[in-house]
Amino acid sequence: MSKDTPTILVVEDEAPIREMLQFSLSRAGFTVYEAADARTAQDMLNTNTPDLILLDWMLPGISGVDLAHKLRQVARTRELPIIMLTARGEEESKIRGLEAGADDYITKPFSTQELIARIRAVLRRTGGGTSSAILQAGDLSLDTVGHRVMIQDKPLELGPTEFRLLHFFMSHSDRVFSRSQLLDQVWGDNVYIEERTVDVHIRRLRKALEAHACEQYIQTVRGSGYRFSQQV
């Protein structure tokens, strides 16, 4: 994510509050996505990871506290900043929310100015929203905001899965990932597909890069998995 446009996922079942937050946070320079319940939020998190979640305590089905606890059990979302929104102001409730994994806690009704200040404080503290919008490796560049890949200033056409795979690799250069780790990180924790699917998309990504002599960046580590590296 660009540090100028951090993304916020608002998980709130009351439509008027979601609309108010969408309006206020967008005006403050954030990109805002909405979910009315925990299951919708989980589906969204399987494909995209925001810089921060605003999570209502009282949600239909799975509560916000339970969702926060679930997110802290998964490697991909373990460090994801969470601010709880709730009408519960008692100290015991606040402690319960923080123990579930929330980074901060704000009680309804709240001022949007205070909420925005708290969001920015949590992002500063956790480092959220500060990564570069452009990932670079030699002549290869990936624009995370514009969703474009360029090689020597020429566009590279990739499918959505290959784009996510390349984005993940470039964000974690020189680290080896097993097929199961790539499935969790790129496809999502609740997607049940065979590990050989990773190999298929690796081949597609390499073929696209091969046309520009960059296929060597995607390296097979025998017995371990794959890595992205500029060092051959």
Foldseek 3Di string as FASTA:
>chain_A
DALQEFEEEEAAQDVVVVVVCCVLVVVVRYHYHYHNALVVVQVVCLADATLEYEAEQDGPDQGSLNSLLVLCVAPQRVLRAYEYEYQDDDPVVQVSSVVSPHPYYDHPPDDVVVVVVVVVVSCVVSVGSHDHQWQDDPQWIAGNVVRWIGGVNHTQDDDSLLSLLVVVQSVVAPDFAALVRCCCNRRHDPDDDDSVVVVVSLVVNLVSCVVVPLSVQWDADPPTHIHGYPPD
